[in-house]
N, C-alpha and C. Protein backbone atom coordinates (compact mmCIF):
# COMPACT_ATOMS: atom_id res chain seq x y z
N MET A 1 0.84 -1.19 0.00
CA MET A 1 0.00 0.00 0.00
C MET A 1 0.88 1.25 0.00
N LYS A 2 0.63 2.14 -0.95
CA LYS A 2 1.45 3.33 -1.09
C LYS A 2 1.15 4.33 0.02
N PHE A 3 2.18 5.12 0.37
CA PHE A 3 2.05 6.10 1.44
C PHE A 3 0.92 7.08 1.15
N LYS A 4 0.77 7.49 -0.11
CA LYS A 4 -0.24 8.49 -0.46
C LYS A 4 -1.65 8.00 -0.13
N SER A 5 -1.87 6.70 -0.24
CA SER A 5 -3.22 6.18 -0.03
C SER A 5 -3.59 6.03 1.44
N VAL A 6 -2.60 6.12 2.32
CA VAL A 6 -2.88 5.95 3.76
C VAL A 6 -2.46 7.19 4.56
N GLN A 7 -2.31 8.32 3.88
CA GLN A 7 -1.90 9.53 4.58
C GLN A 7 -2.89 9.93 5.68
N TRP A 8 -4.17 9.63 5.46
CA TRP A 8 -5.19 9.99 6.44
C TRP A 8 -4.97 9.30 7.78
N LEU A 9 -4.21 8.18 7.76
CA LEU A 9 -3.95 7.47 9.01
C LEU A 9 -3.10 8.28 9.97
N ILE A 10 -2.32 9.23 9.44
CA ILE A 10 -1.45 10.03 10.30
C ILE A 10 -2.26 10.87 11.27
N PRO A 11 -3.14 11.78 10.78
CA PRO A 11 -3.93 12.56 11.75
C PRO A 11 -4.89 11.69 12.54
N ALA A 12 -5.42 10.63 11.93
CA ALA A 12 -6.36 9.76 12.64
C ALA A 12 -5.68 9.11 13.84
N THR A 13 -4.47 8.63 13.65
CA THR A 13 -3.73 8.00 14.75
C THR A 13 -3.39 9.01 15.84
N LEU A 14 -2.95 10.20 15.43
CA LEU A 14 -2.59 11.23 16.41
C LEU A 14 -3.81 11.69 17.20
N ILE A 15 -4.95 11.83 16.54
CA ILE A 15 -6.17 12.22 17.24
C ILE A 15 -6.59 11.11 18.20
N PHE A 16 -6.47 9.86 17.77
CA PHE A 16 -6.81 8.73 18.64
C PHE A 16 -5.96 8.74 19.90
N LEU A 17 -4.66 8.98 19.75
CA LEU A 17 -3.78 9.04 20.91
C LEU A 17 -4.13 10.21 21.83
N SER A 18 -4.70 11.25 21.26
CA SER A 18 -5.03 12.45 22.05
C SER A 18 -6.32 12.31 22.84
N LEU A 19 -7.20 11.41 22.41
CA LEU A 19 -8.56 11.39 22.94
C LEU A 19 -8.62 11.13 24.44
N VAL A 20 -7.87 10.13 24.93
CA VAL A 20 -7.96 9.80 26.35
C VAL A 20 -7.42 10.93 27.22
N PRO A 21 -6.22 11.49 26.93
CA PRO A 21 -5.76 12.63 27.73
C PRO A 21 -6.68 13.83 27.66
N VAL A 22 -7.24 14.10 26.48
CA VAL A 22 -8.17 15.23 26.34
C VAL A 22 -9.43 14.97 27.17
N ALA A 23 -9.95 13.74 27.11
CA ALA A 23 -11.12 13.40 27.91
C ALA A 23 -10.82 13.50 29.40
N GLY A 24 -9.63 13.01 29.79
CA GLY A 24 -9.24 13.11 31.19
C GLY A 24 -9.10 14.55 31.64
N GLY A 25 -8.55 15.39 30.77
CA GLY A 25 -8.43 16.81 31.08
C GLY A 25 -9.78 17.48 31.22
N SER A 26 -10.72 17.08 30.35
CA SER A 26 -12.08 17.65 30.43
C SER A 26 -12.74 17.29 31.75
N VAL A 27 -12.54 16.05 32.18
CA VAL A 27 -13.10 15.63 33.47
C VAL A 27 -12.48 16.44 34.61
N ARG A 28 -11.16 16.69 34.49
CA ARG A 28 -10.48 17.48 35.52
C ARG A 28 -11.02 18.91 35.57
N LEU A 29 -11.25 19.51 34.40
CA LEU A 29 -11.81 20.86 34.38
C LEU A 29 -13.21 20.89 34.99
N LEU A 30 -14.00 19.87 34.68
CA LEU A 30 -15.35 19.79 35.25
C LEU A 30 -15.27 19.64 36.77
N GLU A 31 -14.32 18.85 37.21
CA GLU A 31 -14.12 18.64 38.64
C GLU A 31 -13.77 19.95 39.35
N LEU A 32 -12.88 20.71 38.74
CA LEU A 32 -12.45 21.97 39.34
C LEU A 32 -13.58 23.01 39.34
N SER A 33 -14.38 22.99 38.29
CA SER A 33 -15.45 24.00 38.17
C SER A 33 -16.67 23.67 39.01
N SER A 34 -16.81 22.40 39.40
CA SER A 34 -18.01 21.97 40.13
C SER A 34 -17.75 21.83 41.63
N HIS A 35 -16.55 22.22 42.07
CA HIS A 35 -16.21 22.14 43.50
C HIS A 35 -16.41 20.73 44.04
N ALA A 36 -15.82 19.77 43.31
CA ALA A 36 -15.92 18.37 43.71
C ALA A 36 -15.17 18.14 45.02
N GLU A 37 -15.36 16.95 45.55
CA GLU A 37 -14.70 16.59 46.81
C GLU A 37 -13.18 16.62 46.63
N ILE A 38 -12.50 17.22 47.57
CA ILE A 38 -11.04 17.28 47.52
C ILE A 38 -10.46 16.00 48.09
N THR A 39 -9.59 15.36 47.31
CA THR A 39 -8.96 14.12 47.73
C THR A 39 -7.45 14.28 47.66
N ALA A 40 -6.74 13.23 48.06
CA ALA A 40 -5.28 13.26 48.00
C ALA A 40 -4.78 13.39 46.57
N ASP A 41 -5.56 12.86 45.61
CA ASP A 41 -5.14 12.89 44.21
C ASP A 41 -5.36 14.23 43.54
N ASN A 42 -6.34 15.00 44.00
CA ASN A 42 -6.64 16.26 43.31
C ASN A 42 -6.38 17.50 44.15
N ALA A 43 -5.92 17.33 45.38
CA ALA A 43 -5.74 18.48 46.28
C ALA A 43 -4.80 19.52 45.70
N ARG A 44 -3.73 19.08 45.02
CA ARG A 44 -2.76 20.02 44.48
C ARG A 44 -3.38 20.89 43.38
N PHE A 45 -4.35 20.35 42.65
CA PHE A 45 -5.00 21.12 41.60
C PHE A 45 -5.96 22.16 42.17
N PHE A 46 -6.66 21.81 43.22
CA PHE A 46 -7.56 22.77 43.87
C PHE A 46 -6.77 23.87 44.56
N ALA A 47 -5.60 23.52 45.08
CA ALA A 47 -4.78 24.52 45.77
C ALA A 47 -4.22 25.55 44.80
N SER A 48 -3.95 25.13 43.56
CA SER A 48 -3.40 26.05 42.54
C SER A 48 -3.94 25.63 41.18
N PRO A 49 -5.16 26.03 40.84
CA PRO A 49 -5.81 25.52 39.63
C PRO A 49 -5.34 26.11 38.31
N LEU A 50 -4.83 27.35 38.31
CA LEU A 50 -4.51 28.01 37.05
C LEU A 50 -3.52 27.24 36.18
N PRO A 51 -2.39 26.75 36.71
CA PRO A 51 -1.45 26.02 35.84
C PRO A 51 -2.06 24.80 35.17
N VAL A 52 -2.84 24.02 35.92
CA VAL A 52 -3.41 22.81 35.32
C VAL A 52 -4.50 23.16 34.32
N ILE A 53 -5.26 24.23 34.56
CA ILE A 53 -6.28 24.66 33.59
C ILE A 53 -5.61 25.09 32.28
N LEU A 54 -4.57 25.91 32.38
CA LEU A 54 -3.84 26.34 31.18
C LEU A 54 -3.22 25.15 30.46
N HIS A 55 -2.71 24.19 31.22
CA HIS A 55 -2.08 23.02 30.62
C HIS A 55 -3.10 22.18 29.86
N ILE A 56 -4.26 21.95 30.46
CA ILE A 56 -5.28 21.12 29.82
C ILE A 56 -5.79 21.78 28.54
N ILE A 57 -6.08 23.06 28.59
CA ILE A 57 -6.61 23.75 27.40
C ILE A 57 -5.56 23.78 26.29
N SER A 58 -4.33 24.13 26.63
CA SER A 58 -3.29 24.25 25.61
C SER A 58 -2.92 22.90 25.01
N VAL A 59 -2.82 21.87 25.84
CA VAL A 59 -2.41 20.56 25.31
C VAL A 59 -3.53 19.96 24.47
N SER A 60 -4.79 20.25 24.81
CA SER A 60 -5.91 19.75 24.00
C SER A 60 -5.89 20.37 22.60
N LEU A 61 -5.72 21.68 22.53
CA LEU A 61 -5.63 22.36 21.23
C LEU A 61 -4.40 21.90 20.46
N TYR A 62 -3.28 21.80 21.16
CA TYR A 62 -2.01 21.45 20.53
C TYR A 62 -2.06 20.06 19.93
N SER A 63 -2.59 19.10 20.66
CA SER A 63 -2.59 17.72 20.19
C SER A 63 -3.63 17.48 19.10
N LEU A 64 -4.84 18.03 19.25
CA LEU A 64 -5.90 17.77 18.28
C LEU A 64 -5.71 18.58 17.00
N LEU A 65 -5.52 19.89 17.14
CA LEU A 65 -5.33 20.74 15.96
C LEU A 65 -4.00 20.44 15.28
N GLY A 66 -2.99 20.16 16.08
CA GLY A 66 -1.67 19.87 15.51
C GLY A 66 -1.63 18.60 14.69
N ALA A 67 -2.55 17.68 14.94
CA ALA A 67 -2.56 16.43 14.18
C ALA A 67 -2.73 16.68 12.68
N PHE A 68 -3.50 17.70 12.32
CA PHE A 68 -3.75 17.96 10.90
C PHE A 68 -2.53 18.58 10.21
N GLN A 69 -1.59 19.10 10.97
CA GLN A 69 -0.38 19.65 10.37
C GLN A 69 0.50 18.53 9.79
N PHE A 70 0.21 17.29 10.18
CA PHE A 70 0.99 16.15 9.69
C PHE A 70 0.26 15.39 8.59
N TYR A 71 -0.80 15.98 8.04
CA TYR A 71 -1.55 15.37 6.95
C TYR A 71 -1.08 16.02 5.66
N PRO A 72 -0.14 15.42 4.93
CA PRO A 72 0.48 16.07 3.76
C PRO A 72 -0.53 16.57 2.72
N LYS A 73 -1.53 15.76 2.40
CA LYS A 73 -2.49 16.16 1.37
C LYS A 73 -3.27 17.39 1.80
N PHE A 74 -3.75 17.39 3.05
CA PHE A 74 -4.51 18.52 3.55
C PHE A 74 -3.64 19.76 3.62
N ARG A 75 -2.38 19.60 4.02
CA ARG A 75 -1.48 20.74 4.14
C ARG A 75 -1.19 21.37 2.78
N ARG A 76 -1.05 20.52 1.76
CA ARG A 76 -0.82 21.05 0.41
C ARG A 76 -2.05 21.78 -0.13
N GLN A 77 -3.23 21.25 0.17
CA GLN A 77 -4.45 21.84 -0.34
C GLN A 77 -4.87 23.09 0.42
N GLN A 78 -4.44 23.19 1.68
CA GLN A 78 -4.83 24.32 2.52
C GLN A 78 -3.60 24.98 3.15
N PRO A 79 -2.70 25.54 2.34
CA PRO A 79 -1.48 26.13 2.91
C PRO A 79 -1.75 27.31 3.83
N LYS A 80 -2.81 28.09 3.53
CA LYS A 80 -3.13 29.23 4.38
C LYS A 80 -3.58 28.75 5.76
N TRP A 81 -4.40 27.70 5.78
CA TRP A 81 -4.84 27.13 7.05
C TRP A 81 -3.64 26.62 7.85
N HIS A 82 -2.71 26.00 7.16
CA HIS A 82 -1.50 25.47 7.81
C HIS A 82 -0.73 26.59 8.50
N ARG A 83 -0.58 27.72 7.82
CA ARG A 83 0.17 28.83 8.39
C ARG A 83 -0.59 29.47 9.56
N LEU A 84 -1.89 29.69 9.36
CA LEU A 84 -2.68 30.35 10.41
C LEU A 84 -2.78 29.48 11.66
N SER A 85 -3.02 28.20 11.47
CA SER A 85 -3.11 27.32 12.63
C SER A 85 -1.76 27.20 13.33
N GLY A 86 -0.67 27.29 12.56
CA GLY A 86 0.65 27.26 13.17
C GLY A 86 0.89 28.42 14.11
N ARG A 87 0.30 29.57 13.77
CA ARG A 87 0.46 30.74 14.65
C ARG A 87 -0.29 30.57 15.97
N LEU A 88 -1.28 29.71 15.99
CA LEU A 88 -1.95 29.37 17.25
C LEU A 88 -1.24 28.24 17.96
N LEU A 89 -0.76 27.27 17.20
CA LEU A 89 -0.17 26.07 17.79
C LEU A 89 1.15 26.36 18.49
N ILE A 90 1.94 27.25 17.96
CA ILE A 90 3.24 27.52 18.60
C ILE A 90 3.06 28.12 19.99
N PRO A 91 2.20 29.15 20.17
CA PRO A 91 1.96 29.61 21.55
C PRO A 91 1.37 28.52 22.44
N CYS A 92 0.50 27.69 21.88
CA CYS A 92 -0.05 26.58 22.66
C CYS A 92 1.06 25.63 23.10
N GLY A 93 1.99 25.36 22.19
CA GLY A 93 3.10 24.48 22.53
C GLY A 93 3.95 25.03 23.66
N PHE A 94 4.22 26.34 23.59
CA PHE A 94 4.98 26.97 24.68
C PHE A 94 4.22 26.89 25.99
N MET A 95 2.90 27.08 25.94
CA MET A 95 2.09 27.00 27.16
C MET A 95 2.09 25.58 27.72
N VAL A 96 2.02 24.58 26.84
CA VAL A 96 2.09 23.19 27.30
C VAL A 96 3.37 22.95 28.08
N ALA A 97 4.49 23.34 27.49
CA ALA A 97 5.79 23.09 28.12
C ALA A 97 5.95 23.89 29.41
N LEU A 98 5.60 25.17 29.38
CA LEU A 98 5.82 26.03 30.55
C LEU A 98 4.90 25.65 31.70
N SER A 99 3.64 25.35 31.41
CA SER A 99 2.73 24.95 32.49
C SER A 99 3.12 23.59 33.05
N GLY A 100 3.61 22.70 32.17
CA GLY A 100 4.08 21.41 32.65
C GLY A 100 5.29 21.55 33.57
N LEU A 101 6.20 22.43 33.21
CA LEU A 101 7.37 22.69 34.06
C LEU A 101 6.96 23.32 35.38
N TRP A 102 6.02 24.24 35.34
CA TRP A 102 5.55 24.89 36.56
C TRP A 102 4.97 23.86 37.52
N MET A 103 4.13 22.96 37.00
CA MET A 103 3.53 21.94 37.86
C MET A 103 4.57 20.98 38.41
N THR A 104 5.58 20.67 37.58
CA THR A 104 6.66 19.80 38.06
C THR A 104 7.43 20.45 39.20
N LEU A 105 7.70 21.73 39.06
CA LEU A 105 8.53 22.43 40.04
C LEU A 105 7.79 22.75 41.34
N PHE A 106 6.49 23.05 41.25
CA PHE A 106 5.80 23.60 42.41
C PHE A 106 4.66 22.76 42.96
N TYR A 107 4.13 21.81 42.20
CA TYR A 107 3.09 20.94 42.75
C TYR A 107 3.73 19.85 43.61
N PRO A 108 3.04 19.39 44.65
CA PRO A 108 3.51 18.21 45.38
C PRO A 108 3.58 17.01 44.43
N TRP A 109 4.51 16.12 44.67
CA TRP A 109 4.66 14.96 43.79
C TRP A 109 3.48 14.01 43.92
N PRO A 110 2.97 13.51 42.79
CA PRO A 110 1.91 12.50 42.85
C PRO A 110 2.42 11.19 43.46
N THR A 111 1.49 10.32 43.80
CA THR A 111 1.85 9.01 44.33
C THR A 111 2.72 8.25 43.33
N TYR A 112 3.78 7.64 43.82
CA TYR A 112 4.72 6.83 43.05
C TYR A 112 5.68 7.66 42.19
N ASP A 113 5.59 8.98 42.23
CA ASP A 113 6.61 9.79 41.57
C ASP A 113 7.84 9.88 42.47
N GLY A 114 9.02 9.85 41.86
CA GLY A 114 10.25 9.95 42.63
C GLY A 114 11.22 10.90 41.98
N ALA A 115 12.44 10.93 42.49
CA ALA A 115 13.44 11.88 42.02
C ALA A 115 13.80 11.65 40.55
N VAL A 116 13.86 10.39 40.12
CA VAL A 116 14.23 10.11 38.73
C VAL A 116 13.15 10.63 37.78
N LEU A 117 11.91 10.35 38.10
CA LEU A 117 10.81 10.83 37.24
C LEU A 117 10.73 12.35 37.27
N TYR A 118 11.01 12.93 38.43
CA TYR A 118 11.04 14.40 38.55
C TYR A 118 12.06 14.98 37.56
N GLY A 119 13.24 14.39 37.54
CA GLY A 119 14.27 14.85 36.61
C GLY A 119 13.87 14.65 35.16
N MET A 120 13.19 13.54 34.87
CA MET A 120 12.73 13.28 33.51
C MET A 120 11.69 14.31 33.07
N ARG A 121 10.80 14.66 33.98
CA ARG A 121 9.77 15.67 33.64
C ARG A 121 10.43 17.01 33.30
N LEU A 122 11.43 17.38 34.07
CA LEU A 122 12.15 18.62 33.79
C LEU A 122 12.84 18.55 32.44
N PHE A 123 13.46 17.42 32.16
CA PHE A 123 14.19 17.26 30.90
C PHE A 123 13.26 17.37 29.69
N VAL A 124 12.14 16.62 29.71
CA VAL A 124 11.26 16.63 28.54
C VAL A 124 10.58 17.99 28.37
N GLY A 125 10.28 18.67 29.49
CA GLY A 125 9.70 20.00 29.39
C GLY A 125 10.66 20.99 28.76
N LEU A 126 11.92 20.95 29.21
CA LEU A 126 12.94 21.84 28.64
C LEU A 126 13.25 21.48 27.20
N PHE A 127 13.25 20.18 26.89
CA PHE A 127 13.52 19.75 25.51
C PHE A 127 12.41 20.21 24.58
N MET A 128 11.17 20.16 25.05
CA MET A 128 10.06 20.65 24.23
C MET A 128 10.20 22.14 23.97
N LEU A 129 10.55 22.91 25.00
CA LEU A 129 10.78 24.34 24.82
C LEU A 129 11.89 24.59 23.81
N TRP A 130 12.99 23.88 23.95
CA TRP A 130 14.13 24.03 23.03
C TRP A 130 13.72 23.70 21.60
N SER A 131 12.95 22.64 21.42
CA SER A 131 12.52 22.24 20.08
C SER A 131 11.64 23.32 19.45
N LEU A 132 10.74 23.90 20.23
CA LEU A 132 9.87 24.96 19.72
C LEU A 132 10.69 26.19 19.32
N VAL A 133 11.64 26.57 20.16
CA VAL A 133 12.49 27.72 19.84
C VAL A 133 13.27 27.47 18.56
N GLN A 134 13.85 26.27 18.44
CA GLN A 134 14.61 25.94 17.24
C GLN A 134 13.71 25.92 16.00
N GLY A 135 12.48 25.44 16.17
CA GLY A 135 11.54 25.42 15.05
C GLY A 135 11.17 26.81 14.58
N VAL A 136 10.94 27.72 15.52
CA VAL A 136 10.61 29.10 15.17
C VAL A 136 11.80 29.78 14.49
N MET A 137 13.00 29.58 15.02
CA MET A 137 14.19 30.17 14.41
C MET A 137 14.41 29.65 13.00
N ALA A 138 14.14 28.35 12.79
CA ALA A 138 14.34 27.75 11.47
C ALA A 138 13.38 28.33 10.44
N ILE A 139 12.10 28.52 10.82
CA ILE A 139 11.14 29.02 9.84
C ILE A 139 11.42 30.48 9.50
N ARG A 140 11.97 31.23 10.43
CA ARG A 140 12.34 32.61 10.13
C ARG A 140 13.48 32.67 9.13
N LYS A 141 14.27 31.60 9.08
CA LYS A 141 15.35 31.50 8.09
C LYS A 141 14.88 30.82 6.82
N ARG A 142 13.57 30.46 6.77
CA ARG A 142 12.98 29.75 5.63
C ARG A 142 13.60 28.37 5.46
N ASP A 143 14.08 27.80 6.53
CA ASP A 143 14.62 26.45 6.51
C ASP A 143 13.49 25.50 6.91
N PHE A 144 12.71 25.07 5.93
CA PHE A 144 11.52 24.28 6.21
C PHE A 144 11.86 22.89 6.74
N THR A 145 12.99 22.35 6.30
CA THR A 145 13.37 21.02 6.75
C THR A 145 13.64 21.00 8.25
N GLN A 146 14.49 21.92 8.70
CA GLN A 146 14.79 21.98 10.13
C GLN A 146 13.57 22.40 10.94
N HIS A 147 12.78 23.28 10.39
CA HIS A 147 11.54 23.69 11.06
C HIS A 147 10.65 22.48 11.33
N GLY A 148 10.42 21.69 10.29
CA GLY A 148 9.58 20.51 10.43
C GLY A 148 10.16 19.51 11.41
N SER A 149 11.48 19.32 11.34
CA SER A 149 12.13 18.34 12.23
C SER A 149 11.94 18.70 13.70
N TRP A 150 12.17 19.96 14.03
CA TRP A 150 12.06 20.39 15.42
C TRP A 150 10.61 20.40 15.89
N MET A 151 9.68 20.73 15.00
CA MET A 151 8.28 20.72 15.38
C MET A 151 7.76 19.30 15.59
N ILE A 152 8.28 18.36 14.83
CA ILE A 152 7.92 16.96 15.05
C ILE A 152 8.37 16.51 16.44
N ARG A 153 9.59 16.89 16.81
CA ARG A 153 10.10 16.52 18.14
C ARG A 153 9.25 17.15 19.25
N ALA A 154 8.90 18.42 19.07
CA ALA A 154 8.08 19.09 20.09
C ALA A 154 6.71 18.41 20.21
N TYR A 155 6.11 18.07 19.08
CA TYR A 155 4.80 17.42 19.11
C TYR A 155 4.89 16.04 19.75
N ALA A 156 5.98 15.33 19.49
CA ALA A 156 6.16 14.01 20.09
C ALA A 156 6.16 14.09 21.61
N ILE A 157 6.81 15.11 22.15
CA ILE A 157 6.81 15.30 23.60
C ILE A 157 5.41 15.69 24.09
N GLY A 158 4.77 16.61 23.37
CA GLY A 158 3.45 17.07 23.77
C GLY A 158 2.41 15.96 23.76
N LEU A 159 2.61 14.97 22.91
CA LEU A 159 1.67 13.85 22.81
C LEU A 159 2.05 12.70 23.72
N GLY A 160 3.04 12.91 24.58
CA GLY A 160 3.50 11.85 25.46
C GLY A 160 2.40 11.23 26.30
N ALA A 161 1.49 12.05 26.81
CA ALA A 161 0.42 11.54 27.67
C ALA A 161 -0.46 10.53 26.94
N GLY A 162 -0.64 10.72 25.63
CA GLY A 162 -1.46 9.78 24.86
C GLY A 162 -0.84 8.40 24.81
N THR A 163 0.45 8.33 24.55
CA THR A 163 1.15 7.05 24.52
C THR A 163 1.27 6.45 25.91
N GLN A 164 1.41 7.31 26.91
CA GLN A 164 1.54 6.82 28.28
C GLN A 164 0.28 6.14 28.79
N VAL A 165 -0.85 6.44 28.19
CA VAL A 165 -2.08 5.71 28.54
C VAL A 165 -1.87 4.22 28.29
N PHE A 166 -1.22 3.89 27.17
CA PHE A 166 -1.01 2.49 26.80
C PHE A 166 0.18 1.87 27.54
N THR A 167 1.22 2.66 27.78
CA THR A 167 2.36 2.09 28.51
C THR A 167 2.02 1.85 29.98
N HIS A 168 0.95 2.47 30.48
CA HIS A 168 0.52 2.25 31.86
C HIS A 168 -0.48 1.09 31.99
N LEU A 169 -0.84 0.46 30.88
CA LEU A 169 -1.81 -0.64 30.94
C LEU A 169 -1.39 -1.77 31.89
N PRO A 170 -0.09 -2.16 31.93
CA PRO A 170 0.29 -3.22 32.89
C PRO A 170 -0.02 -2.85 34.33
N LEU A 171 0.14 -1.58 34.68
CA LEU A 171 -0.13 -1.16 36.05
C LEU A 171 -1.63 -1.12 36.34
N ILE A 172 -2.41 -0.85 35.28
CA ILE A 172 -3.87 -0.85 35.45
C ILE A 172 -4.39 -2.28 35.59
N LEU A 173 -3.84 -3.19 34.78
CA LEU A 173 -4.29 -4.57 34.79
C LEU A 173 -3.78 -5.33 36.01
N PHE A 174 -2.59 -4.95 36.48
CA PHE A 174 -1.98 -5.65 37.61
C PHE A 174 -1.56 -4.63 38.66
N PRO A 175 -2.50 -4.20 39.49
CA PRO A 175 -2.21 -3.16 40.49
C PRO A 175 -1.06 -3.49 41.42
N SER A 176 -0.79 -4.78 41.62
CA SER A 176 0.29 -5.16 42.52
C SER A 176 1.66 -4.72 42.01
N LEU A 177 1.74 -4.39 40.71
CA LEU A 177 3.01 -3.95 40.13
C LEU A 177 3.31 -2.48 40.39
N ARG A 178 2.33 -1.75 40.89
CA ARG A 178 2.49 -0.31 41.04
C ARG A 178 3.57 0.02 42.07
N GLY A 179 4.42 0.96 41.69
CA GLY A 179 5.49 1.41 42.57
C GLY A 179 6.27 2.51 41.88
N GLU A 180 7.24 3.05 42.56
CA GLU A 180 8.00 4.16 42.01
C GLU A 180 8.77 3.76 40.75
N LEU A 181 9.39 2.57 40.78
CA LEU A 181 10.18 2.12 39.62
C LEU A 181 9.29 1.87 38.41
N THR A 182 8.20 1.12 38.60
CA THR A 182 7.34 0.79 37.46
C THR A 182 6.65 2.04 36.91
N ARG A 183 6.29 2.95 37.79
CA ARG A 183 5.69 4.21 37.35
C ARG A 183 6.68 4.98 36.48
N THR A 184 7.92 5.04 36.91
CA THR A 184 8.96 5.75 36.16
C THR A 184 9.18 5.09 34.79
N LEU A 185 9.23 3.77 34.77
CA LEU A 185 9.46 3.05 33.51
C LEU A 185 8.32 3.26 32.53
N CYS A 186 7.08 3.24 33.04
CA CYS A 186 5.92 3.44 32.16
C CYS A 186 5.88 4.86 31.59
N MET A 187 6.21 5.84 32.43
CA MET A 187 6.25 7.22 31.95
C MET A 187 7.36 7.40 30.91
N ALA A 188 8.53 6.87 31.22
CA ALA A 188 9.67 6.99 30.29
C ALA A 188 9.37 6.32 28.97
N ALA A 189 8.71 5.16 29.01
CA ALA A 189 8.41 4.42 27.78
C ALA A 189 7.56 5.25 26.83
N GLY A 190 6.58 5.98 27.35
CA GLY A 190 5.74 6.81 26.49
C GLY A 190 6.52 7.87 25.76
N TRP A 191 7.38 8.58 26.47
CA TRP A 191 8.19 9.62 25.83
C TRP A 191 9.19 9.02 24.84
N ILE A 192 9.82 7.92 25.24
CA ILE A 192 10.84 7.30 24.38
C ILE A 192 10.23 6.79 23.08
N ILE A 193 9.09 6.11 23.18
CA ILE A 193 8.42 5.60 21.98
C ILE A 193 8.11 6.74 21.02
N ASN A 194 7.55 7.82 21.53
CA ASN A 194 7.21 8.96 20.68
C ASN A 194 8.44 9.57 20.03
N LEU A 195 9.51 9.73 20.79
CA LEU A 195 10.72 10.35 20.24
C LEU A 195 11.41 9.44 19.23
N VAL A 196 11.38 8.14 19.46
CA VAL A 196 11.98 7.20 18.49
C VAL A 196 11.22 7.27 17.17
N ILE A 197 9.89 7.27 17.25
CA ILE A 197 9.08 7.39 16.03
C ILE A 197 9.33 8.72 15.35
N ALA A 198 9.44 9.79 16.15
CA ALA A 198 9.70 11.11 15.58
C ALA A 198 11.02 11.14 14.82
N GLU A 199 12.07 10.56 15.42
CA GLU A 199 13.37 10.56 14.75
C GLU A 199 13.34 9.69 13.50
N TRP A 200 12.58 8.62 13.53
CA TRP A 200 12.47 7.77 12.33
C TRP A 200 11.81 8.56 11.20
N LEU A 201 10.73 9.27 11.54
CA LEU A 201 10.05 10.08 10.53
C LEU A 201 10.96 11.16 9.96
N ILE A 202 11.72 11.79 10.85
CA ILE A 202 12.63 12.86 10.41
C ILE A 202 13.68 12.32 9.45
N HIS A 203 14.29 11.20 9.81
CA HIS A 203 15.35 10.65 8.96
C HIS A 203 14.79 9.97 7.70
N ARG A 204 13.55 9.49 7.79
CA ARG A 204 12.95 8.81 6.64
C ARG A 204 12.43 9.80 5.61
N TYR A 205 11.83 10.88 6.05
CA TYR A 205 11.14 11.78 5.12
C TYR A 205 11.75 13.18 5.03
N MET A 206 12.66 13.52 5.96
CA MET A 206 13.17 14.89 5.97
C MET A 206 14.69 14.95 5.99
N SER A 207 15.33 13.92 5.50
CA SER A 207 16.79 13.88 5.54
C SER A 207 17.44 14.78 4.49
N LYS A 208 16.70 15.09 3.42
CA LYS A 208 17.24 15.93 2.36
C LYS A 208 16.72 17.34 2.51
N PRO A 209 17.61 18.34 2.58
CA PRO A 209 17.16 19.73 2.71
C PRO A 209 16.27 20.12 1.55
N THR A 210 15.28 20.93 1.83
CA THR A 210 14.38 21.42 0.79
C THR A 210 13.93 22.81 1.14
N ARG A 211 13.59 23.57 0.16
CA ARG A 211 13.07 24.91 0.40
C ARG A 211 11.55 24.88 0.46
N LYS A 212 10.94 23.70 0.35
CA LYS A 212 9.50 23.57 0.43
C LYS A 212 9.16 22.78 1.67
N PRO A 213 8.07 23.15 2.37
CA PRO A 213 7.71 22.42 3.58
C PRO A 213 7.25 21.01 3.28
N THR A 214 7.74 20.04 4.06
CA THR A 214 7.27 18.67 3.95
C THR A 214 6.39 18.34 5.14
N ILE A 215 6.97 17.73 6.18
CA ILE A 215 6.18 17.49 7.38
C ILE A 215 6.53 18.60 8.36
N ALA A 216 5.68 19.59 8.49
CA ALA A 216 5.96 20.73 9.36
C ALA A 216 4.75 21.01 10.23
N LEU A 217 4.98 21.53 11.41
CA LEU A 217 3.88 21.83 12.33
C LEU A 217 3.33 23.21 12.08
N SER A 218 4.15 24.12 11.58
CA SER A 218 3.64 25.47 11.32
C SER A 218 4.58 26.19 10.39
N GLN A 219 4.13 27.30 9.88
CA GLN A 219 4.96 28.21 9.11
C GLN A 219 4.70 29.61 9.65
N VAL A 220 5.69 30.20 10.22
CA VAL A 220 5.55 31.54 10.79
C VAL A 220 6.41 32.49 9.98
N SER A 221 5.79 33.43 9.33
CA SER A 221 6.56 34.35 8.51
C SER A 221 6.99 35.54 9.34
């Protein structure tokens, strides 16, 4: 089956991965707005709701709207939409990374989080910020190849929660396995899988420099 005939699978898969985190975020927003019972799991959000609200809204827009930036046929047919949506997605991406870093630094640690996972959260948040900055700098130089490469990496990090739903399945199915080590491994697996796929896409489809956009998340003039 040729790549052109299955291009629609790209946004479909990305949207599918986004659905559970987006649904979970919607439930969290409803919980915060309805003054639900405060528990050990949600107390940190009620104590400081703004960062998590900004994170949920920005990551929902970033993951769902950003999925269409990876649909080559749609991007070619709607270049203006690609550029305009990119101007929204880049600020959303920065908000995702910054709010995630804020929660990592200032929220109490969730159950089973430890020092290693804390360090990983800081690393992926900073790496996402770095990727976005590099992507913006590249598009200002009209370097579409590097722009696309860095935006793919940023999106891979931003979509980490979607993949982590599946990497956490062993802990859901077998609660006795839950602990700091297994939690860390499941979280790391989600980010690693996304970044490995991102690098494969970059080297497979974007290894040759071009002055025309291929797989890019946005175009900012």
